[in-house]
Amino acid sequence: MMFLLSALFFVLGFWLMFGSFESHTGSYSRYSYVKEPFFRFPAGFFFICFFGIGLFIMFIKLFSSKPGLLINNKGIINQSTRVSGDLILWDDIEKIIITEASHQRFIMIILKNHQKYLKKVESRFKRKVMELNYNSIKISANTL
């Protein structure tokens, strides 16, 4: 479903940038600003870039044989996204909760010592994403 919606908005971006908005009636409406290139071009460019990247990532994920979540006797390895972490040891997990937000299910892993995993992360972007999650790691069921 997300793939189809992303494809729709990707095509909408091309339509906004290159589509014809000639009015046959010549009348003015309160939505006439949509016909102006000043609005259409940046909006279309944003749609193409944002949803194009999303389509590319979803396309790769669709044909990937790599599992999104590995569970073994040592712990859990989250490989569902680009900012996923390494092995989370069972000893470091306080509890696991399944939660829902905006009709999307998440697996939330509450950690005993979140700082231990933050110290291992070398990427500044990845560290910031992990800091936003406070003492937990959230895994979307959609990305598995």
N, C-alpha and C. Protein backbone atom coordinates (compact mmCIF):
# COMPACT_ATOMS: atom_id res chain seq x y z
N MET A 1 0.82 -1.19 0.00
CA MET A 1 0.00 0.00 0.00
C MET A 1 0.87 1.27 0.00
N MET A 2 1.91 1.26 0.85
CA MET A 2 2.80 2.42 0.89
C MET A 2 3.53 2.60 -0.43
N PHE A 3 3.87 1.49 -1.07
CA PHE A 3 4.54 1.55 -2.36
C PHE A 3 3.64 2.22 -3.40
N LEU A 4 2.37 1.84 -3.42
CA LEU A 4 1.43 2.42 -4.38
C LEU A 4 1.18 3.90 -4.11
N LEU A 5 1.05 4.28 -2.84
CA LEU A 5 0.84 5.69 -2.51
C LEU A 5 2.08 6.52 -2.86
N SER A 6 3.26 5.98 -2.60
CA SER A 6 4.49 6.69 -2.96
C SER A 6 4.58 6.86 -4.47
N ALA A 7 4.23 5.82 -5.21
CA ALA A 7 4.25 5.90 -6.67
C ALA A 7 3.25 6.96 -7.16
N LEU A 8 2.08 7.02 -6.54
CA LEU A 8 1.07 8.02 -6.90
C LEU A 8 1.60 9.44 -6.67
N PHE A 9 2.21 9.70 -5.52
CA PHE A 9 2.74 11.02 -5.24
C PHE A 9 3.96 11.34 -6.10
N PHE A 10 4.73 10.34 -6.47
CA PHE A 10 5.86 10.52 -7.37
C PHE A 10 5.35 11.01 -8.74
N VAL A 11 4.32 10.37 -9.24
CA VAL A 11 3.71 10.76 -10.52
C VAL A 11 3.07 12.14 -10.39
N LEU A 12 2.43 12.40 -9.25
CA LEU A 12 1.84 13.71 -9.00
C LEU A 12 2.90 14.81 -9.06
N GLY A 13 4.10 14.51 -8.57
CA GLY A 13 5.20 15.47 -8.64
C GLY A 13 5.54 15.83 -10.07
N PHE A 14 5.60 14.84 -10.96
CA PHE A 14 5.86 15.12 -12.37
C PHE A 14 4.73 15.92 -12.98
N TRP A 15 3.51 15.60 -12.61
CA TRP A 15 2.35 16.32 -13.14
C TRP A 15 2.38 17.78 -12.69
N LEU A 16 2.74 18.01 -11.42
CA LEU A 16 2.82 19.38 -10.93
C LEU A 16 3.91 20.17 -11.66
N MET A 17 5.04 19.52 -11.92
CA MET A 17 6.14 20.23 -12.56
C MET A 17 5.92 20.47 -14.05
N PHE A 18 5.38 19.48 -14.74
CA PHE A 18 5.33 19.54 -16.19
C PHE A 18 3.92 19.51 -16.79
N GLY A 19 2.91 19.38 -15.94
CA GLY A 19 1.54 19.29 -16.44
C GLY A 19 1.01 20.62 -16.93
N SER A 20 0.00 20.55 -17.74
CA SER A 20 -0.63 21.75 -18.29
C SER A 20 -1.81 22.13 -17.41
N PHE A 21 -1.87 23.41 -17.03
CA PHE A 21 -2.94 23.90 -16.18
C PHE A 21 -3.73 25.00 -16.87
N GLU A 22 -3.90 24.87 -18.15
CA GLU A 22 -4.63 25.89 -18.90
C GLU A 22 -6.10 25.84 -18.52
N SER A 23 -6.63 26.98 -18.21
CA SER A 23 -8.04 27.08 -17.85
C SER A 23 -8.84 27.42 -19.10
N HIS A 24 -9.87 26.65 -19.35
CA HIS A 24 -10.71 26.88 -20.53
C HIS A 24 -11.76 27.93 -20.25
N THR A 25 -12.10 28.12 -18.99
CA THR A 25 -13.15 29.09 -18.66
C THR A 25 -12.56 30.46 -18.37
N GLY A 26 -11.31 30.52 -17.98
CA GLY A 26 -10.68 31.80 -17.68
C GLY A 26 -11.14 32.36 -16.35
N SER A 27 -11.87 31.59 -15.58
CA SER A 27 -12.38 32.09 -14.30
C SER A 27 -11.32 31.95 -13.20
N TYR A 28 -11.48 32.75 -12.18
CA TYR A 28 -10.57 32.74 -11.05
C TYR A 28 -11.23 31.99 -9.90
N SER A 29 -10.47 31.13 -9.26
CA SER A 29 -10.99 30.45 -8.07
C SER A 29 -10.00 30.62 -6.94
N ARG A 30 -10.41 30.26 -5.76
CA ARG A 30 -9.52 30.41 -4.61
C ARG A 30 -8.35 29.43 -4.66
N TYR A 31 -8.39 28.43 -5.55
CA TYR A 31 -7.30 27.47 -5.71
C TYR A 31 -6.42 27.79 -6.92
N SER A 32 -6.49 28.98 -7.42
CA SER A 32 -5.72 29.36 -8.60
C SER A 32 -4.23 29.39 -8.35
N TYR A 33 -3.81 29.53 -7.08
CA TYR A 33 -2.38 29.55 -6.78
C TYR A 33 -1.71 28.23 -7.16
N VAL A 34 -2.48 27.15 -7.22
CA VAL A 34 -1.92 25.84 -7.60
C VAL A 34 -1.45 25.87 -9.05
N LYS A 35 -2.05 26.71 -9.85
CA LYS A 35 -1.69 26.79 -11.26
C LYS A 35 -0.42 27.59 -11.50
N GLU A 36 0.03 28.33 -10.51
CA GLU A 36 1.21 29.18 -10.65
C GLU A 36 2.49 28.35 -10.58
N PRO A 37 3.44 28.58 -11.49
CA PRO A 37 4.71 27.83 -11.48
C PRO A 37 5.49 28.04 -10.18
N PHE A 38 5.31 29.19 -9.54
CA PHE A 38 6.00 29.47 -8.28
C PHE A 38 5.65 28.43 -7.22
N PHE A 39 4.45 27.94 -7.23
CA PHE A 39 4.02 26.90 -6.29
C PHE A 39 4.28 25.50 -6.85
N ARG A 40 3.93 25.30 -8.12
CA ARG A 40 3.97 23.97 -8.72
C ARG A 40 5.37 23.38 -8.78
N PHE A 41 6.35 24.15 -9.22
CA PHE A 41 7.69 23.60 -9.43
C PHE A 41 8.33 23.12 -8.12
N PRO A 42 8.40 23.93 -7.06
CA PRO A 42 9.00 23.42 -5.81
C PRO A 42 8.23 22.26 -5.21
N ALA A 43 6.89 22.31 -5.28
CA ALA A 43 6.09 21.21 -4.73
C ALA A 43 6.34 19.93 -5.52
N GLY A 44 6.35 20.04 -6.84
CA GLY A 44 6.62 18.88 -7.68
C GLY A 44 8.01 18.33 -7.47
N PHE A 45 8.99 19.22 -7.34
CA PHE A 45 10.37 18.80 -7.09
C PHE A 45 10.48 18.06 -5.77
N PHE A 46 9.82 18.58 -4.73
CA PHE A 46 9.81 17.92 -3.43
C PHE A 46 9.17 16.54 -3.53
N PHE A 47 8.03 16.44 -4.19
CA PHE A 47 7.33 15.16 -4.33
C PHE A 47 8.22 14.14 -5.05
N ILE A 48 8.86 14.58 -6.12
CA ILE A 48 9.71 13.67 -6.90
C ILE A 48 10.89 13.19 -6.06
N CYS A 49 11.55 14.12 -5.38
CA CYS A 49 12.72 13.74 -4.57
C CYS A 49 12.33 12.85 -3.39
N PHE A 50 11.38 13.30 -2.58
CA PHE A 50 11.02 12.59 -1.36
C PHE A 50 10.42 11.22 -1.67
N PHE A 51 9.41 11.20 -2.51
CA PHE A 51 8.75 9.93 -2.79
C PHE A 51 9.57 9.06 -3.74
N GLY A 52 10.43 9.66 -4.55
CA GLY A 52 11.34 8.88 -5.40
C GLY A 52 12.34 8.10 -4.56
N ILE A 53 12.89 8.76 -3.54
CA ILE A 53 13.81 8.07 -2.62
C ILE A 53 13.06 6.97 -1.88
N GLY A 54 11.86 7.29 -1.43
CA GLY A 54 11.05 6.27 -0.75
C GLY A 54 10.75 5.07 -1.63
N LEU A 55 10.40 5.33 -2.89
CA LEU A 55 10.15 4.23 -3.83
C LEU A 55 11.39 3.38 -4.04
N PHE A 56 12.53 4.03 -4.17
CA PHE A 56 13.78 3.31 -4.37
C PHE A 56 14.08 2.41 -3.18
N ILE A 57 13.96 2.94 -1.96
CA ILE A 57 14.23 2.15 -0.76
C ILE A 57 13.23 1.00 -0.63
N MET A 58 11.95 1.28 -0.88
CA MET A 58 10.94 0.21 -0.79
C MET A 58 11.16 -0.86 -1.85
N PHE A 59 11.58 -0.45 -3.04
CA PHE A 59 11.84 -1.41 -4.12
C PHE A 59 12.99 -2.33 -3.73
N ILE A 60 14.06 -1.77 -3.17
CA ILE A 60 15.19 -2.59 -2.72
C ILE A 60 14.75 -3.53 -1.60
N LYS A 61 13.97 -3.00 -0.64
CA LYS A 61 13.51 -3.81 0.50
C LYS A 61 12.57 -4.93 0.02
N LEU A 62 11.80 -4.65 -1.00
CA LEU A 62 10.84 -5.63 -1.52
C LEU A 62 11.54 -6.87 -2.06
N PHE A 63 12.68 -6.69 -2.71
CA PHE A 63 13.39 -7.81 -3.31
C PHE A 63 14.58 -8.30 -2.48
N SER A 64 14.71 -7.79 -1.27
CA SER A 64 15.80 -8.21 -0.39
C SER A 64 15.42 -9.51 0.32
N SER A 65 16.36 -10.43 0.39
CA SER A 65 16.10 -11.69 1.10
C SER A 65 16.62 -11.64 2.54
N LYS A 66 17.19 -10.52 2.92
CA LYS A 66 17.75 -10.34 4.26
C LYS A 66 16.61 -10.14 5.27
N PRO A 67 16.58 -10.91 6.36
CA PRO A 67 15.50 -10.75 7.35
C PRO A 67 15.63 -9.41 8.08
N GLY A 68 14.49 -8.82 8.43
CA GLY A 68 14.48 -7.54 9.12
C GLY A 68 14.81 -7.64 10.59
N LEU A 69 14.49 -8.76 11.21
CA LEU A 69 14.70 -8.93 12.64
C LEU A 69 15.19 -10.34 12.91
N LEU A 70 16.34 -10.43 13.54
CA LEU A 70 16.90 -11.74 13.90
C LEU A 70 16.83 -11.90 15.42
N ILE A 71 16.27 -13.01 15.85
CA ILE A 71 16.19 -13.31 17.28
C ILE A 71 16.92 -14.62 17.51
N ASN A 72 17.91 -14.58 18.39
CA ASN A 72 18.65 -15.80 18.72
C ASN A 72 18.86 -15.86 20.24
N ASN A 73 19.64 -16.82 20.71
CA ASN A 73 19.82 -16.98 22.15
C ASN A 73 20.73 -15.92 22.76
N LYS A 74 21.43 -15.13 21.95
CA LYS A 74 22.25 -14.03 22.46
C LYS A 74 21.45 -12.74 22.63
N GLY A 75 20.51 -12.53 21.69
CA GLY A 75 19.71 -11.30 21.75
C GLY A 75 18.95 -11.07 20.46
N ILE A 76 18.73 -9.79 20.15
CA ILE A 76 17.95 -9.37 18.98
C ILE A 76 18.82 -8.50 18.10
N ILE A 77 18.77 -8.76 16.78
CA ILE A 77 19.48 -7.92 15.81
C ILE A 77 18.42 -7.29 14.90
N ASN A 78 18.34 -5.95 14.96
CA ASN A 78 17.38 -5.21 14.16
C ASN A 78 18.07 -4.77 12.87
N GLN A 79 17.61 -5.29 11.72
CA GLN A 79 18.16 -4.93 10.41
C GLN A 79 17.08 -4.35 9.52
N SER A 80 16.06 -3.77 10.12
CA SER A 80 14.90 -3.34 9.35
C SER A 80 15.08 -2.00 8.64
N THR A 81 15.96 -1.13 9.15
CA THR A 81 16.14 0.18 8.53
C THR A 81 17.62 0.50 8.42
N ARG A 82 17.92 1.64 7.78
CA ARG A 82 19.30 2.08 7.61
C ARG A 82 19.92 2.55 8.92
N VAL A 83 19.12 2.95 9.90
CA VAL A 83 19.64 3.41 11.19
C VAL A 83 19.53 2.33 12.25
N SER A 84 19.38 1.09 11.84
CA SER A 84 19.26 -0.01 12.79
C SER A 84 20.57 -0.22 13.53
N GLY A 85 20.44 -0.78 14.70
CA GLY A 85 21.62 -1.00 15.53
C GLY A 85 22.18 -2.39 15.37
N ASP A 86 23.12 -2.69 16.24
CA ASP A 86 23.77 -4.00 16.26
C ASP A 86 22.98 -4.94 17.16
N LEU A 87 23.66 -5.94 17.65
CA LEU A 87 23.07 -6.92 18.55
C LEU A 87 22.65 -6.27 19.86
N ILE A 88 21.42 -6.51 20.26
CA ILE A 88 20.90 -6.06 21.56
C ILE A 88 20.85 -7.30 22.44
N LEU A 89 21.68 -7.33 23.45
CA LEU A 89 21.76 -8.51 24.32
C LEU A 89 20.52 -8.65 25.19
N TRP A 90 20.15 -9.91 25.47
CA TRP A 90 18.99 -10.18 26.32
C TRP A 90 19.17 -9.57 27.70
N ASP A 91 20.39 -9.53 28.22
CA ASP A 91 20.65 -8.97 29.54
C ASP A 91 20.38 -7.46 29.59
N ASP A 92 20.45 -6.79 28.46
CA ASP A 92 20.24 -5.33 28.41
C ASP A 92 18.80 -4.95 28.15
N ILE A 93 17.93 -5.92 27.92
CA ILE A 93 16.53 -5.65 27.63
C ILE A 93 15.72 -5.72 28.91
N GLU A 94 15.04 -4.60 29.21
CA GLU A 94 14.18 -4.56 30.40
C GLU A 94 12.83 -5.20 30.10
N LYS A 95 12.20 -4.77 28.98
CA LYS A 95 10.94 -5.38 28.55
C LYS A 95 10.70 -5.06 27.08
N ILE A 96 9.79 -5.83 26.50
CA ILE A 96 9.41 -5.66 25.10
C ILE A 96 7.90 -5.42 25.07
N ILE A 97 7.50 -4.34 24.39
CA ILE A 97 6.10 -3.96 24.32
C ILE A 97 5.70 -3.85 22.85
N ILE A 98 4.51 -4.31 22.53
CA ILE A 98 3.94 -4.09 21.19
C ILE A 98 2.92 -2.97 21.34
N THR A 99 3.13 -1.90 20.60
CA THR A 99 2.28 -0.72 20.71
C THR A 99 1.79 -0.29 19.34
N GLU A 100 0.82 0.61 19.31
CA GLU A 100 0.27 1.09 18.06
C GLU A 100 0.14 2.60 18.11
N ALA A 101 0.53 3.27 17.04
CA ALA A 101 0.38 4.71 16.90
C ALA A 101 -0.01 5.01 15.46
N SER A 102 -1.07 5.77 15.28
CA SER A 102 -1.56 6.14 13.95
C SER A 102 -1.77 4.91 13.07
N HIS A 103 -2.39 3.89 13.60
CA HIS A 103 -2.70 2.64 12.90
C HIS A 103 -1.46 1.92 12.40
N GLN A 104 -0.34 2.13 13.07
CA GLN A 104 0.91 1.45 12.71
C GLN A 104 1.44 0.76 13.96
N ARG A 105 1.74 -0.53 13.83
CA ARG A 105 2.22 -1.30 14.97
C ARG A 105 3.73 -1.21 15.10
N PHE A 106 4.19 -1.14 16.35
CA PHE A 106 5.60 -1.05 16.68
C PHE A 106 5.97 -2.09 17.71
N ILE A 107 7.20 -2.57 17.61
CA ILE A 107 7.79 -3.38 18.67
C ILE A 107 8.73 -2.42 19.40
N MET A 108 8.46 -2.18 20.67
CA MET A 108 9.27 -1.27 21.45
C MET A 108 10.11 -2.07 22.44
N ILE A 109 11.43 -1.96 22.32
CA ILE A 109 12.35 -2.65 23.20
C ILE A 109 12.88 -1.64 24.20
N ILE A 110 12.48 -1.79 25.46
CA ILE A 110 12.94 -0.90 26.53
C ILE A 110 14.28 -1.43 27.05
N LEU A 111 15.29 -0.57 27.03
CA LEU A 111 16.63 -0.97 27.44
C LEU A 111 16.93 -0.56 28.88
N LYS A 112 17.74 -1.36 29.55
CA LYS A 112 18.17 -1.03 30.91
C LYS A 112 19.19 0.11 30.88
N ASN A 113 20.13 0.06 29.93
CA ASN A 113 21.18 1.07 29.83
C ASN A 113 21.30 1.52 28.38
N HIS A 114 20.55 2.55 28.03
CA HIS A 114 20.52 3.06 26.66
C HIS A 114 21.85 3.69 26.26
N GLN A 115 22.55 4.29 27.22
CA GLN A 115 23.82 4.97 26.95
C GLN A 115 24.89 3.99 26.42
N LYS A 116 24.81 2.76 26.86
CA LYS A 116 25.78 1.74 26.41
C LYS A 116 25.73 1.58 24.89
N TYR A 117 24.54 1.62 24.33
CA TYR A 117 24.38 1.46 22.88
C TYR A 117 24.67 2.75 22.14
N LEU A 118 24.40 3.90 22.78
CA LEU A 118 24.71 5.18 22.14
C LEU A 118 26.21 5.36 21.97
N LYS A 119 27.00 4.86 22.93
CA LYS A 119 28.46 5.00 22.85
C LYS A 119 29.04 4.20 21.69
N LYS A 120 28.40 3.12 21.29
CA LYS A 120 28.89 2.27 20.20
C LYS A 120 28.67 2.90 18.83
N VAL A 121 27.69 3.79 18.71
CA VAL A 121 27.29 4.34 17.42
C VAL A 121 28.30 5.40 16.96
N GLU A 122 28.82 5.24 15.74
CA GLU A 122 29.79 6.18 15.19
C GLU A 122 29.12 7.29 14.39
N SER A 123 28.04 6.99 13.71
CA SER A 123 27.36 7.97 12.87
C SER A 123 26.59 8.98 13.73
N ARG A 124 26.80 10.28 13.47
CA ARG A 124 26.10 11.32 14.23
C ARG A 124 24.60 11.27 13.98
N PHE A 125 24.19 11.01 12.72
CA PHE A 125 22.77 10.93 12.38
C PHE A 125 22.11 9.77 13.12
N LYS A 126 22.75 8.64 13.09
CA LYS A 126 22.21 7.45 13.75
C LYS A 126 22.10 7.67 15.26
N ARG A 127 23.11 8.33 15.84
CA ARG A 127 23.08 8.63 17.27
C ARG A 127 21.94 9.56 17.62
N LYS A 128 21.70 10.58 16.80
CA LYS A 128 20.59 11.52 17.05
C LYS A 128 19.24 10.81 17.00
N VAL A 129 19.07 9.92 16.03
CA VAL A 129 17.82 9.16 15.93
C VAL A 129 17.62 8.31 17.17
N MET A 130 18.69 7.68 17.64
CA MET A 130 18.59 6.84 18.85
C MET A 130 18.33 7.69 20.09
N GLU A 131 18.90 8.90 20.17
CA GLU A 131 18.66 9.78 21.31
C GLU A 131 17.21 10.22 21.38
N LEU A 132 16.57 10.41 20.23
CA LEU A 132 15.16 10.81 20.21
C LEU A 132 14.25 9.73 20.79
N ASN A 133 14.68 8.49 20.75
CA ASN A 133 13.88 7.38 21.27
C ASN A 133 14.08 7.15 22.77
N TYR A 134 14.85 8.02 23.42
CA TYR A 134 15.13 7.96 24.86
C TYR A 134 15.73 6.62 25.24
N ASN A 135 15.04 5.82 26.04
CA ASN A 135 15.62 4.56 26.53
C ASN A 135 15.06 3.34 25.81
N SER A 136 14.56 3.54 24.60
CA SER A 136 13.96 2.42 23.88
C SER A 136 14.39 2.39 22.43
N ILE A 137 14.17 1.25 21.83
CA ILE A 137 14.37 1.07 20.40
C ILE A 137 13.02 0.68 19.83
N LYS A 138 12.56 1.46 18.85
CA LYS A 138 11.25 1.22 18.24
C LYS A 138 11.44 0.63 16.86
N ILE A 139 10.76 -0.47 16.60
CA ILE A 139 10.85 -1.15 15.31
C ILE A 139 9.45 -1.19 14.71
N SER A 140 9.28 -0.56 13.56
CA SER A 140 7.99 -0.55 12.89
C SER A 140 7.72 -1.90 12.24
N ALA A 141 6.52 -2.40 12.41
CA ALA A 141 6.15 -3.66 11.78
C ALA A 141 6.12 -3.52 10.26
N ASN A 142 5.92 -2.31 9.76
CA ASN A 142 5.88 -2.08 8.30
C ASN A 142 7.24 -2.25 7.65
N THR A 143 8.32 -2.02 8.40
CA THR A 143 9.65 -2.11 7.81
C THR A 143 10.25 -3.52 7.92
N LEU A 144 9.55 -4.42 8.57
CA LEU A 144 10.06 -5.78 8.66
C LEU A 144 9.68 -6.50 7.42
